[in-house]
Structure formats: structure tokens, C-alpha cells
Amino acid sequence: MNGIDLGAISLFEGLDQRELDLIRPIFTRREYPPQAKVIEEGESGQEMFILISGKVRVVKAMVLPGVDLSLLGGKDPRKVLATLTEENHPFFGEMSLVSDSPRSASVETVEPCTFLVAGRRQFLGLTAGEPELGCKLLTALSARLADLVRTANTELIKLTTALALVLSERR
């Protein structure tokens, strides 16, 4: 982890050097080859990932489990939501640090990737041992999750409006 500026990662913006030094030990470095599954939609997880090098795809199933896929005529029932590169060190899986909910999307490597990985136990141990830092981290995570909910709500409104328009034209 030497040479990686944790302060450049949006989740840790505003933290001082002492706080960054306290965070550093909860992370381990992990490497994945191309076309590897980092996380799988629907599975439980307990780790957050920060992309340090490489490129990944965030993929989401567009049908509910149990739907007859033959209705799609052989089309892939998944959609690529985003392609993330090492620039700005994006992170994902952060919900699993505070929740046992299933993963909301899959993440697959496009090329060889290196991540910093923090587990729930390590994260919660840090927040319990350093309550002021823990409050800052949980506030940052809450802000991130609130942004994701707002974005999802906007997309849902767009989809329902488009569906309503299509259905009204068919009458």
C-alpha cells in the first residue's frame, strides 16, 4: 500500500494524516486477472474494494431471478452500468461494511486489477476503537449511499414516465 494516497480517495477526503494512518492497516492488497468476478450480484459480502489499478465493469441483471430467459430471445439479460478505471480510485461494495444485504450488482475485471480491500470486521473494529474517526467514516458512507438512492429514484422516475408514455400511445 506504500505510495497510495488514501487522502485522494473521495471516501477519505478531509481526513488528516493521523486518521489516514489509522485507516491504512484495515486494508489489504488484492490482485485479480482479466475477466474475474470481484463481486457477484445477489451474493452476500463483507468487503469493500478500492480500485488502485486496472479497469472493471459494473454489471446488473435486468430481469428478476426465476424469469424465463427464453423470452429474451437469446439476449444477455445483464446491462453494463459503468466502466471504472483506476483514475480517482473508485470504490464499491461499501454497503457490505454496514449491512448483510445481498450485493446489488456484479463487478468484473476487464484487465488485470489491483484493489485495496477492507472487511466489515476490520472496519467496525476501527470505528469502535476510534469513535471520532468512525463517525466521520460513517457520515461519508451515509452521504455516498444517500447519493446512490437519489440517483436510483431519478432513474426510476424516468423509467416509469417513459413506460407511461409508451402505454398511453398504445391506446
Foldseek 3Di string as FASTA:
>chain_A
DPPDDPCLAQLNPPPDPVLVVLVVVQWDKDKDFAFDWPFAFFAWFFKKKWWQAAKKWWKAFQDDPPPDCVVVVPDRRMDTPDMDGNVSRDMDPVVNLPDRGGHRTIMGTRGMTMIIMGGNVSLVVSCVVPVVSVVSSVVSVVVVVVVVVVVVVVVVVVVVVVVVVVVVVVD
